[in-house]
Amino acid sequence: NDREELYSTIVNQTREGIVILDREGNFYQFNQATYKMLGYTKEEFENLTIFKINAESLEILQNNINLSIKNKKGVFETTHNCKNGEIRNVRVSTNFIKLKDKDYILAIWTDITESKNVTKKLLEQKDFLELVINSIPNQLFWKDANLVYQGCNKIFADIVGLNSPEEIVGLTDYDFNRDNTYAESYREYDRKIIETGKESLNVEENYYNAKGQKGIVLTS
């Protein structure tokens, strides 16, 4: 009827794969996106099972199926094999349903391969920048407009007694395990920069490191 035709059109127009499979992993029904995202024809896909396209271990796949059945629903990430050998990253949302008194799993597949690749590249860039920053033989740090530290390099972390640069996020000049005699002068210097918007180069400042040793640094 018209309603069934409308539903079928909507389901087949969506970019997400929509598939119904039984407990044994056989595909009962699926939309066009399900097989097209993996490079198969409808006829080819009809002869496959979830175990054939799964790119992860059988143990992980079976565990995901079992959890979906046990909890009546689930969300997890997995990988699927394409016909051409390519592997796609997929986010799967599942719901446990009954059709004609038989148990099935309704699954929606969202291809997240591109977003995964972008995230990987961003992480690689972050790692590279951290390597560069930590290779600079000078103290390096940055704060927000409230004078709260947002990051630093390894040398500065060592100076103020932190185990790693990550620990500095959210701290102020008063929070370090060292003599804070000069803390307010640092903050006054920072306020001046923020208020005037003008850079300041090679300002001589005194400091104490975490071992109590006094030093002098040129700050820009």
N, C-alpha and C. Protein backbone atom coordinates (compact mmCIF):
# COMPACT_ATOMS: atom_id res chain seq x y z
N ASN A 1 0.84 -1.19 0.00
CA ASN A 1 0.00 0.00 0.00
C ASN A 1 0.88 1.25 0.00
N ASP A 2 0.23 2.41 -0.01
CA ASP A 2 0.97 3.67 -0.09
C ASP A 2 1.88 3.88 1.11
N ARG A 3 1.39 3.53 2.30
CA ARG A 3 2.19 3.72 3.51
C ARG A 3 3.45 2.85 3.48
N GLU A 4 3.32 1.60 3.09
CA GLU A 4 4.48 0.71 3.01
C GLU A 4 5.48 1.22 1.98
N GLU A 5 4.98 1.72 0.88
CA GLU A 5 5.86 2.26 -0.16
C GLU A 5 6.60 3.49 0.35
N LEU A 6 5.90 4.33 1.11
CA LEU A 6 6.53 5.51 1.69
C LEU A 6 7.63 5.12 2.66
N TYR A 7 7.33 4.17 3.56
CA TYR A 7 8.32 3.70 4.53
C TYR A 7 9.54 3.12 3.81
N SER A 8 9.29 2.34 2.78
CA SER A 8 10.38 1.72 2.03
C SER A 8 11.26 2.77 1.38
N THR A 9 10.64 3.82 0.84
CA THR A 9 11.39 4.90 0.20
C THR A 9 12.26 5.63 1.22
N ILE A 10 11.68 5.93 2.37
CA ILE A 10 12.43 6.63 3.42
C ILE A 10 13.63 5.80 3.87
N VAL A 11 13.39 4.53 4.13
CA VAL A 11 14.45 3.64 4.62
C VAL A 11 15.58 3.52 3.61
N ASN A 12 15.23 3.45 2.32
CA ASN A 12 16.25 3.28 1.29
C ASN A 12 16.94 4.58 0.88
N GLN A 13 16.41 5.72 1.33
CA GLN A 13 17.04 7.00 1.03
C GLN A 13 18.06 7.40 2.09
N THR A 14 17.96 6.81 3.27
CA THR A 14 18.88 7.18 4.34
C THR A 14 20.30 6.71 4.06
N ARG A 15 21.27 7.44 4.57
CA ARG A 15 22.69 7.10 4.36
C ARG A 15 23.15 6.02 5.33
N GLU A 16 22.41 5.81 6.41
CA GLU A 16 22.77 4.78 7.37
C GLU A 16 22.29 3.42 6.90
N GLY A 17 23.08 2.42 7.20
CA GLY A 17 22.65 1.06 6.91
C GLY A 17 21.63 0.62 7.96
N ILE A 18 20.53 0.07 7.51
CA ILE A 18 19.50 -0.45 8.42
C ILE A 18 19.31 -1.92 8.10
N VAL A 19 19.57 -2.77 9.07
CA VAL A 19 19.54 -4.21 8.82
C VAL A 19 18.87 -4.94 9.97
N ILE A 20 18.13 -5.97 9.65
CA ILE A 20 17.54 -6.86 10.65
C ILE A 20 18.20 -8.22 10.49
N LEU A 21 18.75 -8.73 11.59
CA LEU A 21 19.41 -10.03 11.54
C LEU A 21 18.97 -10.91 12.69
N ASP A 22 19.07 -12.21 12.49
CA ASP A 22 18.64 -13.13 13.53
C ASP A 22 19.80 -13.44 14.47
N ARG A 23 19.54 -14.28 15.46
CA ARG A 23 20.55 -14.61 16.46
C ARG A 23 21.78 -15.29 15.86
N GLU A 24 21.60 -15.95 14.72
CA GLU A 24 22.70 -16.66 14.08
C GLU A 24 23.53 -15.75 13.17
N GLY A 25 23.12 -14.48 13.06
CA GLY A 25 23.88 -13.54 12.24
C GLY A 25 23.47 -13.48 10.79
N ASN A 26 22.35 -14.10 10.45
CA ASN A 26 21.85 -14.05 9.07
C ASN A 26 21.04 -12.77 8.86
N PHE A 27 21.17 -12.18 7.68
CA PHE A 27 20.44 -10.96 7.37
C PHE A 27 19.02 -11.31 6.94
N TYR A 28 18.06 -10.74 7.63
CA TYR A 28 16.65 -10.98 7.33
C TYR A 28 16.12 -9.91 6.37
N GLN A 29 16.41 -8.64 6.68
CA GLN A 29 16.06 -7.53 5.80
C GLN A 29 17.15 -6.46 5.91
N PHE A 30 17.30 -5.67 4.87
CA PHE A 30 18.31 -4.60 4.90
C PHE A 30 17.97 -3.57 3.83
N ASN A 31 18.45 -2.34 4.01
CA ASN A 31 18.21 -1.30 3.02
C ASN A 31 19.39 -1.17 2.05
N GLN A 32 19.29 -0.28 1.11
CA GLN A 32 20.31 -0.13 0.07
C GLN A 32 21.66 0.30 0.65
N ALA A 33 21.62 1.22 1.61
CA ALA A 33 22.87 1.73 2.17
C ALA A 33 23.69 0.63 2.82
N THR A 34 23.02 -0.39 3.35
CA THR A 34 23.71 -1.48 4.03
C THR A 34 24.73 -2.16 3.13
N TYR A 35 24.31 -2.52 1.92
CA TYR A 35 25.24 -3.21 1.03
C TYR A 35 26.07 -2.26 0.18
N LYS A 36 25.53 -1.07 -0.12
CA LYS A 36 26.28 -0.13 -0.95
C LYS A 36 27.50 0.43 -0.23
N MET A 37 27.40 0.65 1.08
CA MET A 37 28.54 1.20 1.81
C MET A 37 29.71 0.22 1.86
N LEU A 38 29.43 -1.06 1.60
CA LEU A 38 30.49 -2.07 1.59
C LEU A 38 30.84 -2.52 0.18
N GLY A 39 30.19 -1.93 -0.83
CA GLY A 39 30.55 -2.21 -2.22
C GLY A 39 29.93 -3.46 -2.81
N TYR A 40 28.88 -3.99 -2.18
CA TYR A 40 28.24 -5.20 -2.70
C TYR A 40 26.96 -4.86 -3.47
N THR A 41 26.53 -5.79 -4.29
CA THR A 41 25.20 -5.69 -4.88
C THR A 41 24.22 -6.31 -3.90
N LYS A 42 22.95 -6.07 -4.12
CA LYS A 42 21.93 -6.64 -3.24
C LYS A 42 21.98 -8.16 -3.27
N GLU A 43 22.18 -8.72 -4.45
CA GLU A 43 22.21 -10.18 -4.60
C GLU A 43 23.41 -10.78 -3.86
N GLU A 44 24.54 -10.10 -3.95
CA GLU A 44 25.74 -10.59 -3.26
C GLU A 44 25.55 -10.53 -1.75
N PHE A 45 24.96 -9.44 -1.27
CA PHE A 45 24.82 -9.25 0.16
C PHE A 45 23.84 -10.24 0.78
N GLU A 46 22.85 -10.65 0.00
CA GLU A 46 21.86 -11.60 0.50
C GLU A 46 22.49 -12.93 0.89
N ASN A 47 23.62 -13.25 0.30
CA ASN A 47 24.29 -14.52 0.57
C ASN A 47 25.34 -14.43 1.68
N LEU A 48 25.47 -13.25 2.28
CA LEU A 48 26.45 -13.05 3.34
C LEU A 48 25.80 -13.14 4.72
N THR A 49 26.63 -13.22 5.73
CA THR A 49 26.18 -13.13 7.12
C THR A 49 27.02 -12.07 7.81
N ILE A 50 26.63 -11.70 9.01
CA ILE A 50 27.40 -10.70 9.76
C ILE A 50 28.82 -11.20 10.01
N PHE A 51 28.99 -12.53 10.08
CA PHE A 51 30.31 -13.09 10.34
C PHE A 51 31.23 -12.97 9.13
N LYS A 52 30.64 -12.89 7.94
CA LYS A 52 31.42 -12.76 6.71
C LYS A 52 31.98 -11.35 6.53
N ILE A 53 31.21 -10.35 6.96
CA ILE A 53 31.66 -8.96 6.75
C ILE A 53 32.38 -8.40 7.97
N ASN A 54 32.32 -9.11 9.07
CA ASN A 54 32.97 -8.63 10.29
C ASN A 54 34.48 -8.65 10.14
N ALA A 55 35.14 -7.53 10.50
CA ALA A 55 36.59 -7.44 10.38
C ALA A 55 37.29 -7.61 11.72
N GLU A 56 36.52 -7.75 12.79
CA GLU A 56 37.11 -7.97 14.10
C GLU A 56 37.09 -9.45 14.44
N SER A 57 37.60 -9.78 15.61
CA SER A 57 37.63 -11.19 16.00
C SER A 57 36.22 -11.72 16.22
N LEU A 58 36.07 -13.02 16.04
CA LEU A 58 34.78 -13.67 16.25
C LEU A 58 34.32 -13.48 17.68
N GLU A 59 35.26 -13.48 18.62
CA GLU A 59 34.92 -13.33 20.03
C GLU A 59 34.29 -11.97 20.31
N ILE A 60 34.88 -10.90 19.73
CA ILE A 60 34.34 -9.55 19.94
C ILE A 60 32.96 -9.43 19.32
N LEU A 61 32.82 -9.96 18.09
CA LEU A 61 31.52 -9.90 17.41
C LEU A 61 30.45 -10.64 18.21
N GLN A 62 30.76 -11.85 18.65
CA GLN A 62 29.78 -12.64 19.39
C GLN A 62 29.41 -11.96 20.71
N ASN A 63 30.40 -11.31 21.34
CA ASN A 63 30.14 -10.59 22.58
C ASN A 63 29.19 -9.41 22.35
N ASN A 64 29.38 -8.69 21.23
CA ASN A 64 28.49 -7.57 20.91
C ASN A 64 27.06 -8.05 20.65
N ILE A 65 26.95 -9.17 19.95
CA ILE A 65 25.62 -9.74 19.69
C ILE A 65 24.95 -10.17 20.99
N ASN A 66 25.70 -10.85 21.84
CA ASN A 66 25.15 -11.34 23.10
C ASN A 66 24.70 -10.19 24.01
N LEU A 67 25.51 -9.10 24.04
CA LEU A 67 25.15 -7.95 24.86
C LEU A 67 23.89 -7.26 24.32
N SER A 68 23.78 -7.20 23.00
CA SER A 68 22.60 -6.59 22.39
C SER A 68 21.34 -7.38 22.75
N ILE A 69 21.46 -8.71 22.76
CA ILE A 69 20.32 -9.56 23.11
C ILE A 69 20.00 -9.45 24.60
N LYS A 70 21.04 -9.47 25.43
CA LYS A 70 20.86 -9.42 26.87
C LYS A 70 20.24 -8.10 27.32
N ASN A 71 20.75 -6.97 26.77
CA ASN A 71 20.30 -5.64 27.20
C ASN A 71 19.14 -5.10 26.36
N LYS A 72 18.73 -5.86 25.36
CA LYS A 72 17.65 -5.45 24.45
C LYS A 72 18.04 -4.28 23.55
N LYS A 73 19.24 -3.73 23.73
CA LYS A 73 19.73 -2.65 22.88
C LYS A 73 21.22 -2.49 23.13
N GLY A 74 21.87 -1.68 22.30
CA GLY A 74 23.30 -1.44 22.50
C GLY A 74 23.86 -0.45 21.49
N VAL A 75 25.01 0.11 21.82
CA VAL A 75 25.74 1.01 20.92
C VAL A 75 27.21 0.66 21.04
N PHE A 76 27.85 0.39 19.93
CA PHE A 76 29.27 0.06 19.96
C PHE A 76 29.89 0.37 18.60
N GLU A 77 31.21 0.40 18.56
CA GLU A 77 31.93 0.62 17.31
C GLU A 77 32.60 -0.68 16.88
N THR A 78 32.62 -0.89 15.57
CA THR A 78 33.22 -2.11 15.04
C THR A 78 33.82 -1.81 13.67
N THR A 79 34.30 -2.83 13.00
CA THR A 79 34.84 -2.66 11.65
C THR A 79 34.25 -3.72 10.73
N HIS A 80 33.98 -3.30 9.47
CA HIS A 80 33.41 -4.19 8.47
C HIS A 80 34.31 -4.29 7.25
N ASN A 81 34.35 -5.48 6.66
CA ASN A 81 35.11 -5.69 5.43
C ASN A 81 34.28 -5.29 4.21
N CYS A 82 34.90 -4.51 3.33
CA CYS A 82 34.26 -4.19 2.05
C CYS A 82 34.58 -5.27 1.03
N LYS A 83 33.86 -5.28 -0.04
CA LYS A 83 34.10 -6.26 -1.10
C LYS A 83 35.50 -6.12 -1.68
N ASN A 84 36.01 -4.87 -1.77
CA ASN A 84 37.33 -4.62 -2.36
C ASN A 84 38.48 -4.81 -1.37
N GLY A 85 38.17 -5.27 -0.16
CA GLY A 85 39.20 -5.51 0.83
C GLY A 85 39.42 -4.36 1.80
N GLU A 86 38.82 -3.22 1.52
CA GLU A 86 38.94 -2.08 2.42
C GLU A 86 38.18 -2.35 3.71
N ILE A 87 38.65 -1.76 4.80
CA ILE A 87 37.98 -1.92 6.09
C ILE A 87 37.36 -0.58 6.48
N ARG A 88 36.08 -0.60 6.83
CA ARG A 88 35.37 0.61 7.23
C ARG A 88 35.06 0.57 8.72
N ASN A 89 35.20 1.72 9.36
CA ASN A 89 34.81 1.87 10.77
C ASN A 89 33.32 2.17 10.84
N VAL A 90 32.62 1.48 11.71
CA VAL A 90 31.16 1.61 11.78
C VAL A 90 30.70 1.74 13.23
N ARG A 91 29.80 2.70 13.46
CA ARG A 91 29.13 2.78 14.75
C ARG A 91 27.78 2.07 14.62
N VAL A 92 27.52 1.14 15.53
CA VAL A 92 26.32 0.31 15.44
C VAL A 92 25.39 0.59 16.62
N SER A 93 24.14 0.86 16.29
CA SER A 93 23.09 0.99 17.32
C SER A 93 22.12 -0.17 17.14
N THR A 94 21.85 -0.90 18.20
CA THR A 94 21.01 -2.10 18.09
C THR A 94 19.79 -2.03 19.00
N ASN A 95 18.74 -2.69 18.56
CA ASN A 95 17.54 -2.88 19.37
C ASN A 95 17.04 -4.31 19.15
N PHE A 96 16.60 -4.92 20.22
CA PHE A 96 16.08 -6.28 20.16
C PHE A 96 14.60 -6.22 19.82
N ILE A 97 14.18 -6.93 18.77
CA ILE A 97 12.78 -6.88 18.34
C ILE A 97 12.24 -8.29 18.09
N LYS A 98 10.93 -8.39 18.00
CA LYS A 98 10.28 -9.65 17.65
C LYS A 98 9.46 -9.45 16.38
N LEU A 99 9.61 -10.38 15.45
CA LEU A 99 8.83 -10.39 14.22
C LEU A 99 8.27 -11.79 14.02
N LYS A 100 6.96 -11.88 13.95
CA LYS A 100 6.31 -13.19 13.77
C LYS A 100 6.78 -14.18 14.83
N ASP A 101 6.84 -13.67 16.08
CA ASP A 101 7.21 -14.49 17.24
C ASP A 101 8.65 -15.00 17.20
N LYS A 102 9.48 -14.38 16.39
CA LYS A 102 10.88 -14.77 16.32
C LYS A 102 11.75 -13.58 16.71
N ASP A 103 12.84 -13.87 17.42
CA ASP A 103 13.73 -12.82 17.90
C ASP A 103 14.68 -12.35 16.80
N TYR A 104 14.82 -11.02 16.70
CA TYR A 104 15.75 -10.41 15.74
C TYR A 104 16.46 -9.23 16.38
N ILE A 105 17.53 -8.82 15.74
CA ILE A 105 18.24 -7.60 16.16
C ILE A 105 18.12 -6.58 15.03
N LEU A 106 17.59 -5.42 15.37
CA LEU A 106 17.53 -4.31 14.42
C LEU A 106 18.78 -3.47 14.64
N ALA A 107 19.58 -3.34 13.60
CA ALA A 107 20.85 -2.61 13.72
C ALA A 107 20.91 -1.45 12.73
N ILE A 108 21.43 -0.33 13.20
CA ILE A 108 21.67 0.83 12.34
C ILE A 108 23.16 1.06 12.28
N TRP A 109 23.71 1.02 11.06
CA TRP A 109 25.14 1.17 10.86
C TRP A 109 25.44 2.58 10.35
N THR A 110 26.34 3.27 11.02
CA THR A 110 26.79 4.59 10.58
C THR A 110 28.27 4.52 10.26
N ASP A 111 28.64 4.83 9.02
CA ASP A 111 30.04 4.80 8.60
C ASP A 111 30.77 5.99 9.22
N ILE A 112 31.73 5.72 10.10
CA ILE A 112 32.49 6.78 10.76
C ILE A 112 33.96 6.76 10.36
N THR A 113 34.25 6.13 9.23
CA THR A 113 35.64 5.98 8.78
C THR A 113 36.32 7.32 8.60
N GLU A 114 35.65 8.24 7.91
CA GLU A 114 36.27 9.55 7.64
C GLU A 114 36.53 10.32 8.92
N SER A 115 35.57 10.32 9.82
CA SER A 115 35.76 11.05 11.08
C SER A 115 36.88 10.42 11.90
N LYS A 116 37.00 9.09 11.82
CA LYS A 116 38.10 8.40 12.51
C LYS A 116 39.44 8.82 11.93
N ASN A 117 39.50 8.92 10.60
CA ASN A 117 40.75 9.33 9.94
C ASN A 117 41.12 10.75 10.31
N VAL A 118 40.11 11.64 10.36
CA VAL A 118 40.38 13.03 10.74
C VAL A 118 40.90 13.09 12.17
N THR A 119 40.27 12.33 13.07
CA THR A 119 40.71 12.30 14.46
C THR A 119 42.13 11.78 14.58
N LYS A 120 42.45 10.76 13.80
CA LYS A 120 43.80 10.20 13.81
C LYS A 120 44.83 11.23 13.36
N LYS A 121 44.51 11.98 12.29
CA LYS A 121 45.43 12.99 11.79
C LYS A 121 45.62 14.12 12.80
N LEU A 122 44.53 14.51 13.48
CA LEU A 122 44.63 15.56 14.48
C LEU A 122 45.50 15.11 15.65
N LEU A 123 45.35 13.86 16.05
CA LEU A 123 46.17 13.33 17.13
C LEU A 123 47.64 13.27 16.72
N GLU A 124 47.89 12.91 15.46
CA GLU A 124 49.27 12.88 14.96
C GLU A 124 49.86 14.28 14.96
N GLN A 125 49.08 15.28 14.54
CA GLN A 125 49.55 16.66 14.55
C GLN A 125 49.81 17.13 15.98
N LYS A 126 48.92 16.75 16.90
CA LYS A 126 49.10 17.12 18.30
C LYS A 126 50.38 16.52 18.86
N ASP A 127 50.63 15.24 18.55
CA ASP A 127 51.84 14.58 19.01
C ASP A 127 53.08 15.28 18.45
N PHE A 128 53.01 15.69 17.18
CA PHE A 128 54.14 16.36 16.55
C PHE A 128 54.41 17.71 17.22
N LEU A 129 53.33 18.48 17.46
CA LEU A 129 53.49 19.78 18.10
C LEU A 129 54.05 19.65 19.51
N GLU A 130 53.57 18.63 20.23
CA GLU A 130 54.09 18.40 21.58
C GLU A 130 55.57 18.05 21.55
N LEU A 131 55.97 17.29 20.54
CA LEU A 131 57.39 16.94 20.40
C LEU A 131 58.23 18.18 20.15
N VAL A 132 57.72 19.06 19.28
CA VAL A 132 58.45 20.31 18.97
C VAL A 132 58.54 21.19 20.22
N ILE A 133 57.39 21.38 20.90
CA ILE A 133 57.35 22.24 22.08
C ILE A 133 58.29 21.72 23.17
N ASN A 134 58.30 20.39 23.36
CA ASN A 134 59.14 19.82 24.41
C ASN A 134 60.61 19.73 24.01
N SER A 135 60.91 20.03 22.73
CA SER A 135 62.29 20.04 22.28
C SER A 135 62.91 21.43 22.38
N ILE A 136 62.07 22.44 22.61
CA ILE A 136 62.57 23.81 22.75
C ILE A 136 63.32 23.92 24.08
N PRO A 137 64.58 24.38 24.07
CA PRO A 137 65.40 24.41 25.29
C PRO A 137 65.10 25.62 26.18
N ASN A 138 63.87 26.08 26.21
CA ASN A 138 63.47 27.22 27.03
C ASN A 138 62.16 26.90 27.74
N GLN A 139 61.88 27.68 28.79
CA GLN A 139 60.61 27.53 29.47
C GLN A 139 59.50 28.08 28.58
N LEU A 140 58.45 27.30 28.39
CA LEU A 140 57.35 27.72 27.54
C LEU A 140 56.03 27.37 28.22
N PHE A 141 55.12 28.35 28.28
CA PHE A 141 53.82 28.12 28.89
C PHE A 141 52.81 29.08 28.29
N TRP A 142 51.52 28.80 28.50
CA TRP A 142 50.47 29.71 28.07
C TRP A 142 49.31 29.67 29.06
N LYS A 143 48.67 30.86 29.21
CA LYS A 143 47.57 31.02 30.16
C LYS A 143 46.35 31.57 29.43
N ASP A 144 45.19 31.48 30.09
CA ASP A 144 44.00 32.11 29.53
C ASP A 144 43.88 33.53 30.08
N ALA A 145 42.79 34.23 29.74
CA ALA A 145 42.63 35.63 30.15
C ALA A 145 42.48 35.79 31.66
N ASN A 146 42.17 34.70 32.37
CA ASN A 146 42.06 34.74 33.83
C ASN A 146 43.36 34.35 34.52
N LEU A 147 44.42 34.27 33.71
CA LEU A 147 45.76 33.94 34.20
C LEU A 147 45.85 32.52 34.77
N VAL A 148 45.03 31.65 34.21
CA VAL A 148 45.07 30.23 34.58
C VAL A 148 45.84 29.48 33.50
N TYR A 149 46.78 28.65 33.91
CA TYR A 149 47.61 27.92 32.96
C TYR A 149 46.78 26.94 32.13
N GLN A 150 47.05 26.93 30.82
CA GLN A 150 46.38 26.01 29.90
C GLN A 150 47.36 25.01 29.28
N GLY A 151 48.65 25.23 29.48
CA GLY A 151 49.64 24.31 28.94
C GLY A 151 51.05 24.81 29.17
N CYS A 152 52.01 23.93 28.96
CA CYS A 152 53.43 24.28 29.08
C CYS A 152 54.26 23.18 28.45
N ASN A 153 55.57 23.40 28.38
CA ASN A 153 56.44 22.33 27.89
C ASN A 153 57.08 21.60 29.06
N LYS A 154 57.83 20.56 28.76
CA LYS A 154 58.40 19.69 29.80
C LYS A 154 59.37 20.45 30.69
N ILE A 155 60.15 21.34 30.12
CA ILE A 155 61.13 22.09 30.91
C ILE A 155 60.44 22.93 31.98
N PHE A 156 59.36 23.64 31.59
CA PHE A 156 58.66 24.47 32.57
C PHE A 156 58.00 23.59 33.63
N ALA A 157 57.45 22.45 33.22
CA ALA A 157 56.83 21.54 34.19
C ALA A 157 57.85 21.09 35.23
N ASP A 158 59.04 20.79 34.79
CA ASP A 158 60.10 20.38 35.72
C ASP A 158 60.46 21.52 36.67
N ILE A 159 60.53 22.73 36.14
CA ILE A 159 60.91 23.90 36.94
C ILE A 159 59.94 24.10 38.11
N VAL A 160 58.63 23.95 37.81
CA VAL A 160 57.62 24.22 38.85
C VAL A 160 57.23 22.98 39.64
N GLY A 161 57.91 21.86 39.39
CA GLY A 161 57.71 20.67 40.20
C GLY A 161 56.56 19.77 39.81
N LEU A 162 56.19 19.78 38.52
CA LEU A 162 55.12 18.91 38.04
C LEU A 162 55.71 17.66 37.39
N ASN A 163 54.95 16.58 37.40
CA ASN A 163 55.42 15.33 36.79
C ASN A 163 55.30 15.34 35.27
N SER A 164 54.36 16.14 34.76
CA SER A 164 54.16 16.20 33.31
C SER A 164 53.50 17.53 32.96
N PRO A 165 53.61 17.99 31.72
CA PRO A 165 52.96 19.24 31.30
C PRO A 165 51.44 19.21 31.46
N GLU A 166 50.84 18.03 31.34
CA GLU A 166 49.38 17.94 31.45
C GLU A 166 48.87 18.38 32.82
N GLU A 167 49.69 18.25 33.85
CA GLU A 167 49.25 18.58 35.20
C GLU A 167 49.07 20.07 35.43
N ILE A 168 49.58 20.89 34.54
CA ILE A 168 49.53 22.34 34.76
C ILE A 168 48.17 22.95 34.44
N VAL A 169 47.37 22.26 33.65
CA VAL A 169 46.07 22.80 33.22
C VAL A 169 45.18 23.08 34.43
N GLY A 170 44.73 24.33 34.55
CA GLY A 170 43.85 24.72 35.65
C GLY A 170 44.56 25.31 36.85
N LEU A 171 45.89 25.32 36.84
CA LEU A 171 46.65 25.87 37.96
C LEU A 171 46.96 27.36 37.74
N THR A 172 47.35 28.04 38.83
CA THR A 172 47.80 29.43 38.75
C THR A 172 49.22 29.50 39.30
N ASP A 173 49.79 30.68 39.30
CA ASP A 173 51.17 30.84 39.79
C ASP A 173 51.30 30.57 41.28
N TYR A 174 50.17 30.54 41.99
CA TYR A 174 50.22 30.28 43.43
C TYR A 174 50.12 28.79 43.77
N ASP A 175 49.91 27.95 42.78
CA ASP A 175 49.61 26.54 43.03
C ASP A 175 50.80 25.60 42.93
N PHE A 176 51.97 26.13 42.62
CA PHE A 176 53.13 25.26 42.43
C PHE A 176 53.86 24.98 43.73
N ASN A 177 54.49 23.84 43.77
CA ASN A 177 55.24 23.43 44.96
C ASN A 177 56.65 24.04 44.91
N ARG A 178 56.68 25.35 45.01
CA ARG A 178 57.95 26.08 45.01
C ARG A 178 57.73 27.41 45.73
N ASP A 179 58.78 28.13 45.95
CA ASP A 179 58.69 29.46 46.57
C ASP A 179 57.94 30.39 45.62
N ASN A 180 56.80 30.91 46.09
CA ASN A 180 55.95 31.75 45.25
C ASN A 180 56.16 33.25 45.48
N THR A 181 57.37 33.59 45.90
CA THR A 181 57.69 35.00 46.17
C THR A 181 57.37 35.90 44.98
N TYR A 182 57.63 35.40 43.77
CA TYR A 182 57.48 36.24 42.57
C TYR A 182 56.15 36.01 41.84
N ALA A 183 55.26 35.23 42.43
CA ALA A 183 54.01 34.88 41.76
C ALA A 183 53.20 36.12 41.37
N GLU A 184 53.04 37.05 42.29
CA GLU A 184 52.21 38.22 41.99
C GLU A 184 52.85 39.10 40.92
N SER A 185 54.18 39.17 40.91
CA SER A 185 54.85 39.98 39.88
C SER A 185 54.64 39.37 38.50
N TYR A 186 54.60 38.04 38.42
CA TYR A 186 54.30 37.39 37.13
C TYR A 186 52.90 37.77 36.66
N ARG A 187 51.96 37.73 37.60
CA ARG A 187 50.57 38.01 37.25
C ARG A 187 50.37 39.48 36.88
N GLU A 188 51.09 40.36 37.55
CA GLU A 188 51.02 41.78 37.21
C GLU A 188 51.56 42.02 35.80
N TYR A 189 52.63 41.33 35.48
CA TYR A 189 53.21 41.42 34.14
C TYR A 189 52.21 40.92 33.09
N ASP A 190 51.53 39.81 33.40
CA ASP A 190 50.54 39.25 32.46
C ASP A 190 49.35 40.19 32.29
N ARG A 191 48.88 40.77 33.38
CA ARG A 191 47.74 41.70 33.29
C ARG A 191 48.08 42.88 32.39
N LYS A 192 49.28 43.37 32.50
CA LYS A 192 49.71 44.51 31.68
C LYS A 192 49.67 44.16 30.20
N ILE A 193 50.10 42.96 29.88
CA ILE A 193 50.09 42.50 28.48
C ILE A 193 48.65 42.41 27.97
N ILE A 194 47.76 41.86 28.82
CA ILE A 194 46.36 41.70 28.42
C ILE A 194 45.68 43.06 28.24
N GLU A 195 45.94 43.98 29.18
CA GLU A 195 45.28 45.29 29.14
C GLU A 195 45.75 46.16 27.98
N THR A 196 47.05 46.12 27.70
CA THR A 196 47.59 46.99 26.64
C THR A 196 47.55 46.33 25.27
N GLY A 197 47.57 45.00 25.25
CA GLY A 197 47.59 44.30 23.99
C GLY A 197 48.93 44.40 23.27
N LYS A 198 49.93 44.88 24.01
CA LYS A 198 51.25 45.07 23.41
C LYS A 198 52.20 43.96 23.88
N GLU A 199 53.03 43.50 22.96
CA GLU A 199 54.00 42.46 23.32
C GLU A 199 55.12 43.05 24.16
N SER A 200 55.74 42.20 24.92
CA SER A 200 56.87 42.61 25.75
C SER A 200 57.98 41.59 25.55
N LEU A 201 59.16 42.04 25.23
CA LEU A 201 60.24 41.14 24.87
C LEU A 201 61.40 41.21 25.84
N ASN A 202 61.95 40.04 26.16
CA ASN A 202 63.18 39.91 26.94
C ASN A 202 63.14 40.68 28.26
N VAL A 203 62.06 40.45 29.02
CA VAL A 203 61.94 41.04 30.35
C VAL A 203 62.63 40.12 31.35
N GLU A 204 63.55 40.67 32.11
CA GLU A 204 64.30 39.87 33.07
C GLU A 204 63.46 39.59 34.31
N GLU A 205 63.27 38.32 34.63
CA GLU A 205 62.48 37.94 35.79
C GLU A 205 63.23 36.92 36.64
N ASN A 206 63.02 37.02 37.94
CA ASN A 206 63.59 36.04 38.86
C ASN A 206 62.59 34.90 39.09
N TYR A 207 63.10 33.75 39.43
CA TYR A 207 62.21 32.62 39.73
C TYR A 207 62.91 31.64 40.65
N TYR A 208 62.13 30.80 41.31
CA TYR A 208 62.64 29.68 42.09
C TYR A 208 62.13 28.39 41.44
N ASN A 209 62.99 27.40 41.36
CA ASN A 209 62.52 26.12 40.85
C ASN A 209 62.01 25.27 42.02
N ALA A 210 61.55 24.08 41.72
CA ALA A 210 60.94 23.23 42.74
C ALA A 210 61.94 22.75 43.78
N LYS A 211 63.23 22.87 43.47
CA LYS A 211 64.27 22.46 44.42
C LYS A 211 64.73 23.61 45.30
N GLY A 212 64.10 24.80 45.12
CA GLY A 212 64.47 25.95 45.94
C GLY A 212 65.61 26.76 45.37
N GLN A 213 66.08 26.41 44.20
CA GLN A 213 67.19 27.13 43.57
C GLN A 213 66.67 28.36 42.84
N LYS A 214 67.36 29.47 42.99
CA LYS A 214 66.96 30.72 42.36
C LYS A 214 67.59 30.86 40.98
N GLY A 215 66.83 31.42 40.03
CA GLY A 215 67.36 31.63 38.70
C GLY A 215 66.81 32.91 38.11
N ILE A 216 67.34 33.27 36.95
CA ILE A 216 66.88 34.44 36.20
C ILE A 216 66.55 34.01 34.78
N VAL A 217 65.45 34.51 34.28
CA VAL A 217 65.01 34.13 32.94
C VAL A 217 64.57 35.38 32.19
N LEU A 218 64.75 35.37 30.87
CA LEU A 218 64.24 36.45 30.01
C LEU A 218 62.89 36.01 29.48
N THR A 219 61.87 36.80 29.79
CA THR A 219 60.51 36.43 29.41
C THR A 219 59.98 37.29 28.28
N SER A 220 59.35 36.64 27.29
CA SER A 220 58.73 37.37 26.20
C SER A 220 57.28 36.91 26.08
